[in-house]
Amino acid sequence: METATEPAVEEREEVAVEPAAPAPEKPRRRRFRALPWKTRLVMAAVGVLLLILGIAGLFLPFLQGILFLVLAAAVLSLTSERVYGWLRGLVSERWPRGWQRVERFRTRVLWKFRR
C-alpha cells in the first residue's frame, strides 16, 4: 500500500553490461642484441670519461658541462639497459624531439657495431 509520503518504487530494467575492451598494447621498441663485452667495456670507459668531463664542466667556464653530460648519458645508454630506461623515463615525455635524436643516435651506433 502506498502512502502519501512514500514515493512509488519503480521497477528498473536491468541493463546488461558488456565487458570492457582490452587496453591497447604499448608499441614495442626494437630490441637489439647485446654488444660484445669488449665493445661494451670501451663504451663504458668513454661514457665515464664524458661523465667526469661533464661534472668538471659544470664548474669550469671553458668546458660545456651539459653537453658532456648528455653525451655521457647517450653513450652509457648503449652499454646498459638500466641507464637506457632511466634516460627514457627522464627525457622522453619532457623533450620528445630530443628523445628522437637519442633514439636515432642509439640505432645508428648499434647497427654500426653489428656489421
N, C-alpha and C. Protein backbone atom coordinates (compact mmCIF):
# COMPACT_ATOMS: atom_id res chain seq x y z
N MET A 1 0.82 -1.15 0.00
CA MET A 1 0.00 0.00 0.00
C MET A 1 0.89 1.24 0.00
N GLU A 2 0.46 2.19 -0.76
CA GLU A 2 1.24 3.39 -0.94
C GLU A 2 0.70 4.50 -0.06
N THR A 3 1.60 5.18 0.61
CA THR A 3 1.16 6.32 1.41
C THR A 3 1.55 7.61 0.69
N ALA A 4 1.05 8.69 1.16
CA ALA A 4 1.30 9.96 0.50
C ALA A 4 2.75 10.41 0.68
N THR A 5 3.41 9.98 1.74
CA THR A 5 4.78 10.43 1.98
C THR A 5 5.81 9.54 1.30
N GLU A 6 5.48 8.32 0.97
CA GLU A 6 6.44 7.42 0.34
C GLU A 6 6.27 7.47 -1.17
N PRO A 7 7.37 7.67 -1.89
CA PRO A 7 7.25 7.65 -3.34
C PRO A 7 7.09 6.22 -3.83
N ALA A 8 6.51 6.09 -4.96
CA ALA A 8 6.31 4.76 -5.54
C ALA A 8 7.65 4.21 -6.00
N VAL A 9 7.87 2.97 -5.75
CA VAL A 9 9.11 2.31 -6.17
C VAL A 9 8.88 1.75 -7.56
N GLU A 10 9.67 2.24 -8.49
CA GLU A 10 9.54 1.78 -9.86
C GLU A 10 10.49 0.61 -10.06
N GLU A 11 10.05 -0.29 -10.84
CA GLU A 11 10.92 -1.41 -11.17
C GLU A 11 11.86 -0.96 -12.27
N ARG A 12 13.13 -1.20 -12.06
CA ARG A 12 14.12 -0.80 -13.05
C ARG A 12 14.49 -2.00 -13.91
N GLU A 13 14.74 -1.71 -15.15
CA GLU A 13 15.18 -2.77 -16.05
C GLU A 13 16.68 -2.97 -15.83
N GLU A 14 17.08 -4.20 -15.82
CA GLU A 14 18.50 -4.49 -15.67
C GLU A 14 19.15 -4.40 -17.03
N VAL A 15 20.20 -3.64 -17.11
CA VAL A 15 20.92 -3.46 -18.36
C VAL A 15 22.14 -4.36 -18.33
N ALA A 16 22.29 -5.11 -19.39
CA ALA A 16 23.45 -6.00 -19.49
C ALA A 16 24.70 -5.15 -19.75
N VAL A 17 25.70 -5.32 -18.93
CA VAL A 17 26.95 -4.57 -19.09
C VAL A 17 27.94 -5.46 -19.81
N GLU A 18 28.46 -4.92 -20.92
CA GLU A 18 29.44 -5.67 -21.68
C GLU A 18 30.81 -5.50 -21.03
N PRO A 19 31.64 -6.53 -21.09
CA PRO A 19 32.99 -6.39 -20.52
C PRO A 19 33.78 -5.33 -21.30
N ALA A 20 34.64 -4.63 -20.59
CA ALA A 20 35.43 -3.57 -21.21
C ALA A 20 36.40 -4.17 -22.22
N ALA A 21 36.64 -3.42 -23.27
CA ALA A 21 37.59 -3.86 -24.29
C ALA A 21 38.99 -3.87 -23.69
N PRO A 22 39.83 -4.81 -24.11
CA PRO A 22 41.18 -4.85 -23.57
C PRO A 22 41.95 -3.58 -23.93
N ALA A 23 42.83 -3.17 -23.05
CA ALA A 23 43.62 -1.95 -23.28
C ALA A 23 44.54 -2.17 -24.48
N PRO A 24 44.73 -1.14 -25.29
CA PRO A 24 45.63 -1.30 -26.44
C PRO A 24 47.05 -1.56 -25.96
N GLU A 25 47.75 -2.38 -26.72
CA GLU A 25 49.12 -2.73 -26.33
C GLU A 25 50.04 -1.55 -26.57
N LYS A 26 51.05 -1.43 -25.73
CA LYS A 26 52.05 -0.40 -25.93
C LYS A 26 52.90 -0.78 -27.13
N PRO A 27 53.34 0.21 -27.90
CA PRO A 27 54.21 -0.13 -29.02
C PRO A 27 55.53 -0.68 -28.47
N ARG A 28 55.96 -1.75 -29.06
CA ARG A 28 57.20 -2.37 -28.61
C ARG A 28 58.38 -1.72 -29.31
N ARG A 29 59.42 -1.49 -28.54
CA ARG A 29 60.61 -0.96 -29.17
C ARG A 29 61.46 -2.13 -29.64
N ARG A 30 62.28 -1.84 -30.63
CA ARG A 30 63.14 -2.90 -31.15
C ARG A 30 64.19 -3.27 -30.12
N ARG A 31 64.37 -4.53 -29.94
CA ARG A 31 65.41 -4.99 -29.02
C ARG A 31 66.63 -5.37 -29.83
N PHE A 32 67.75 -4.89 -29.39
CA PHE A 32 69.00 -5.22 -30.05
C PHE A 32 69.72 -6.27 -29.22
N ARG A 33 70.52 -7.04 -29.91
CA ARG A 33 71.37 -7.98 -29.18
C ARG A 33 72.38 -7.17 -28.38
N ALA A 34 72.84 -7.74 -27.32
CA ALA A 34 73.85 -7.06 -26.51
C ALA A 34 75.14 -6.92 -27.31
N LEU A 35 75.82 -5.83 -27.11
CA LEU A 35 77.10 -5.62 -27.77
C LEU A 35 78.12 -6.61 -27.20
N PRO A 36 79.15 -6.91 -27.96
CA PRO A 36 80.22 -7.75 -27.40
C PRO A 36 80.82 -7.11 -26.16
N TRP A 37 81.31 -7.92 -25.25
CA TRP A 37 81.75 -7.40 -23.96
C TRP A 37 82.91 -6.43 -24.10
N LYS A 38 83.80 -6.64 -25.08
CA LYS A 38 84.93 -5.71 -25.26
C LYS A 38 84.43 -4.34 -25.70
N THR A 39 83.46 -4.34 -26.59
CA THR A 39 82.89 -3.08 -27.06
C THR A 39 82.16 -2.37 -25.93
N ARG A 40 81.40 -3.13 -25.14
CA ARG A 40 80.69 -2.52 -24.00
C ARG A 40 81.66 -1.94 -22.99
N LEU A 41 82.78 -2.60 -22.78
CA LEU A 41 83.78 -2.12 -21.84
C LEU A 41 84.38 -0.80 -22.32
N VAL A 42 84.71 -0.73 -23.61
CA VAL A 42 85.27 0.51 -24.17
C VAL A 42 84.24 1.63 -24.11
N MET A 43 82.99 1.31 -24.47
CA MET A 43 81.93 2.34 -24.46
C MET A 43 81.67 2.81 -23.02
N ALA A 44 81.72 1.91 -22.06
CA ALA A 44 81.52 2.31 -20.66
C ALA A 44 82.65 3.22 -20.20
N ALA A 45 83.88 2.92 -20.62
CA ALA A 45 85.02 3.78 -20.25
C ALA A 45 84.87 5.17 -20.87
N VAL A 46 84.45 5.22 -22.13
CA VAL A 46 84.23 6.51 -22.79
C VAL A 46 83.10 7.26 -22.09
N GLY A 47 82.03 6.56 -21.73
CA GLY A 47 80.91 7.19 -21.04
C GLY A 47 81.31 7.76 -19.69
N VAL A 48 82.12 7.03 -18.94
CA VAL A 48 82.57 7.52 -17.63
C VAL A 48 83.49 8.72 -17.81
N LEU A 49 84.36 8.68 -18.82
CA LEU A 49 85.23 9.83 -19.10
C LEU A 49 84.40 11.07 -19.45
N LEU A 50 83.37 10.90 -20.28
CA LEU A 50 82.49 12.02 -20.62
C LEU A 50 81.73 12.52 -19.40
N LEU A 51 81.35 11.60 -18.52
CA LEU A 51 80.67 11.99 -17.29
C LEU A 51 81.57 12.83 -16.39
N ILE A 52 82.82 12.44 -16.27
CA ILE A 52 83.79 13.20 -15.47
C ILE A 52 84.00 14.58 -16.08
N LEU A 53 84.15 14.64 -17.42
CA LEU A 53 84.31 15.93 -18.08
C LEU A 53 83.06 16.80 -17.90
N GLY A 54 81.88 16.17 -17.91
CA GLY A 54 80.64 16.92 -17.72
C GLY A 54 80.54 17.51 -16.33
N ILE A 55 80.91 16.74 -15.33
CA ILE A 55 80.88 17.26 -13.96
C ILE A 55 81.91 18.38 -13.79
N ALA A 56 83.10 18.19 -14.38
CA ALA A 56 84.11 19.26 -14.31
C ALA A 56 83.63 20.49 -15.08
N GLY A 57 82.91 20.27 -16.18
CA GLY A 57 82.42 21.38 -16.99
C GLY A 57 81.36 22.21 -16.29
N LEU A 58 80.71 21.65 -15.30
CA LEU A 58 79.74 22.42 -14.55
C LEU A 58 80.42 23.51 -13.71
N PHE A 59 81.69 23.29 -13.36
CA PHE A 59 82.41 24.23 -12.52
C PHE A 59 83.46 25.04 -13.28
N LEU A 60 83.94 24.53 -14.42
CA LEU A 60 84.95 25.24 -15.20
C LEU A 60 84.29 25.97 -16.35
N PRO A 61 84.61 27.23 -16.56
CA PRO A 61 83.89 28.01 -17.57
C PRO A 61 84.21 27.64 -19.02
N PHE A 62 85.34 26.99 -19.29
CA PHE A 62 85.71 26.71 -20.68
C PHE A 62 85.22 25.35 -21.18
N LEU A 63 84.63 24.54 -20.33
CA LEU A 63 84.06 23.25 -20.74
C LEU A 63 82.53 23.35 -20.78
N GLN A 64 81.92 22.72 -21.74
CA GLN A 64 80.46 22.68 -21.84
C GLN A 64 79.96 21.49 -21.02
N GLY A 65 79.62 21.73 -19.76
CA GLY A 65 79.26 20.64 -18.86
C GLY A 65 78.02 19.89 -19.28
N ILE A 66 76.96 20.59 -19.65
CA ILE A 66 75.71 19.94 -20.01
C ILE A 66 75.89 19.08 -21.25
N LEU A 67 76.63 19.58 -22.23
CA LEU A 67 76.87 18.81 -23.45
C LEU A 67 77.57 17.49 -23.13
N PHE A 68 78.59 17.53 -22.30
CA PHE A 68 79.31 16.31 -21.94
C PHE A 68 78.41 15.36 -21.13
N LEU A 69 77.56 15.90 -20.27
CA LEU A 69 76.66 15.04 -19.50
C LEU A 69 75.64 14.35 -20.41
N VAL A 70 75.12 15.07 -21.39
CA VAL A 70 74.17 14.46 -22.33
C VAL A 70 74.86 13.39 -23.16
N LEU A 71 76.06 13.68 -23.64
CA LEU A 71 76.81 12.67 -24.41
C LEU A 71 77.13 11.45 -23.55
N ALA A 72 77.49 11.68 -22.29
CA ALA A 72 77.79 10.56 -21.39
C ALA A 72 76.55 9.69 -21.20
N ALA A 73 75.40 10.32 -21.02
CA ALA A 73 74.17 9.54 -20.84
C ALA A 73 73.84 8.74 -22.10
N ALA A 74 74.04 9.34 -23.27
CA ALA A 74 73.75 8.64 -24.52
C ALA A 74 74.69 7.46 -24.72
N VAL A 75 75.97 7.66 -24.44
CA VAL A 75 76.95 6.57 -24.62
C VAL A 75 76.72 5.47 -23.59
N LEU A 76 76.46 5.86 -22.34
CA LEU A 76 76.22 4.84 -21.32
C LEU A 76 74.92 4.09 -21.56
N SER A 77 73.95 4.72 -22.23
CA SER A 77 72.70 4.01 -22.52
C SER A 77 72.92 2.90 -23.53
N LEU A 78 74.01 2.97 -24.29
CA LEU A 78 74.33 1.90 -25.23
C LEU A 78 74.84 0.66 -24.50
N THR A 79 75.44 0.86 -23.34
CA THR A 79 76.04 -0.26 -22.63
C THR A 79 75.11 -0.88 -21.60
N SER A 80 74.11 -0.14 -21.14
CA SER A 80 73.28 -0.64 -20.05
C SER A 80 71.80 -0.36 -20.33
N GLU A 81 70.98 -1.38 -20.22
CA GLU A 81 69.53 -1.21 -20.38
C GLU A 81 68.95 -0.40 -19.22
N ARG A 82 69.56 -0.50 -18.06
CA ARG A 82 69.08 0.26 -16.90
C ARG A 82 69.26 1.76 -17.12
N VAL A 83 70.43 2.16 -17.63
CA VAL A 83 70.67 3.57 -17.92
C VAL A 83 69.74 4.03 -19.05
N TYR A 84 69.53 3.16 -20.03
CA TYR A 84 68.62 3.50 -21.14
C TYR A 84 67.20 3.73 -20.62
N GLY A 85 66.72 2.86 -19.74
CA GLY A 85 65.38 3.03 -19.17
C GLY A 85 65.28 4.29 -18.34
N TRP A 86 66.31 4.59 -17.56
CA TRP A 86 66.33 5.81 -16.76
C TRP A 86 66.29 7.04 -17.65
N LEU A 87 67.10 7.02 -18.70
CA LEU A 87 67.16 8.15 -19.62
C LEU A 87 65.84 8.33 -20.35
N ARG A 88 65.23 7.22 -20.78
CA ARG A 88 63.95 7.29 -21.47
C ARG A 88 62.87 7.88 -20.56
N GLY A 89 62.83 7.46 -19.31
CA GLY A 89 61.84 7.99 -18.38
C GLY A 89 62.06 9.46 -18.07
N LEU A 90 63.32 9.89 -18.08
CA LEU A 90 63.64 11.26 -17.75
C LEU A 90 63.39 12.22 -18.91
N VAL A 91 63.66 11.78 -20.13
CA VAL A 91 63.69 12.69 -21.27
C VAL A 91 62.49 12.56 -22.20
N SER A 92 61.96 11.37 -22.40
CA SER A 92 61.01 11.13 -23.49
C SER A 92 59.74 11.96 -23.41
N GLU A 93 59.18 12.16 -22.25
CA GLU A 93 57.94 12.93 -22.15
C GLU A 93 58.19 14.43 -22.13
N ARG A 94 59.28 14.83 -21.52
CA ARG A 94 59.56 16.26 -21.38
C ARG A 94 60.07 16.87 -22.68
N TRP A 95 60.98 16.16 -23.36
CA TRP A 95 61.56 16.66 -24.61
C TRP A 95 61.48 15.57 -25.67
N PRO A 96 60.34 15.40 -26.32
CA PRO A 96 60.18 14.30 -27.28
C PRO A 96 61.10 14.41 -28.50
N ARG A 97 61.35 15.61 -28.98
CA ARG A 97 62.25 15.73 -30.14
C ARG A 97 63.68 15.38 -29.77
N GLY A 98 64.10 15.77 -28.59
CA GLY A 98 65.44 15.40 -28.13
C GLY A 98 65.54 13.89 -27.96
N TRP A 99 64.47 13.27 -27.49
CA TRP A 99 64.48 11.82 -27.32
C TRP A 99 64.57 11.12 -28.66
N GLN A 100 63.93 11.67 -29.70
CA GLN A 100 64.03 11.07 -31.03
C GLN A 100 65.47 11.11 -31.53
N ARG A 101 66.18 12.18 -31.21
CA ARG A 101 67.58 12.26 -31.61
C ARG A 101 68.42 11.20 -30.89
N VAL A 102 68.15 11.01 -29.61
CA VAL A 102 68.87 9.98 -28.85
C VAL A 102 68.58 8.61 -29.44
N GLU A 103 67.33 8.35 -29.80
CA GLU A 103 66.97 7.06 -30.39
C GLU A 103 67.68 6.85 -31.73
N ARG A 104 67.73 7.90 -32.56
CA ARG A 104 68.42 7.77 -33.85
C ARG A 104 69.91 7.51 -33.63
N PHE A 105 70.51 8.24 -32.68
CA PHE A 105 71.92 8.04 -32.37
C PHE A 105 72.16 6.60 -31.91
N ARG A 106 71.32 6.14 -31.03
CA ARG A 106 71.45 4.79 -30.48
C ARG A 106 71.31 3.74 -31.58
N THR A 107 70.33 3.91 -32.44
CA THR A 107 70.11 2.95 -33.52
C THR A 107 71.28 2.93 -34.48
N ARG A 108 71.77 4.11 -34.87
CA ARG A 108 72.90 4.17 -35.80
C ARG A 108 74.13 3.51 -35.23
N VAL A 109 74.45 3.81 -33.98
CA VAL A 109 75.66 3.25 -33.37
C VAL A 109 75.53 1.74 -33.22
N LEU A 110 74.36 1.27 -32.76
CA LEU A 110 74.19 -0.17 -32.59
C LEU A 110 74.26 -0.91 -33.92
N TRP A 111 73.72 -0.34 -34.98
CA TRP A 111 73.81 -1.00 -36.30
C TRP A 111 75.24 -1.00 -36.81
N LYS A 112 75.99 0.06 -36.55
CA LYS A 112 77.39 0.09 -36.98
C LYS A 112 78.22 -1.00 -36.31
N PHE A 113 77.96 -1.22 -35.02
CA PHE A 113 78.71 -2.23 -34.31
C PHE A 113 78.24 -3.64 -34.64
N ARG A 114 77.12 -3.79 -35.29
CA ARG A 114 76.62 -5.12 -35.67
C ARG A 114 77.28 -5.64 -36.94
N ARG A 115 77.86 -4.77 -37.74
CA ARG A 115 78.44 -5.18 -39.02
C ARG A 115 79.60 -6.09 -38.86
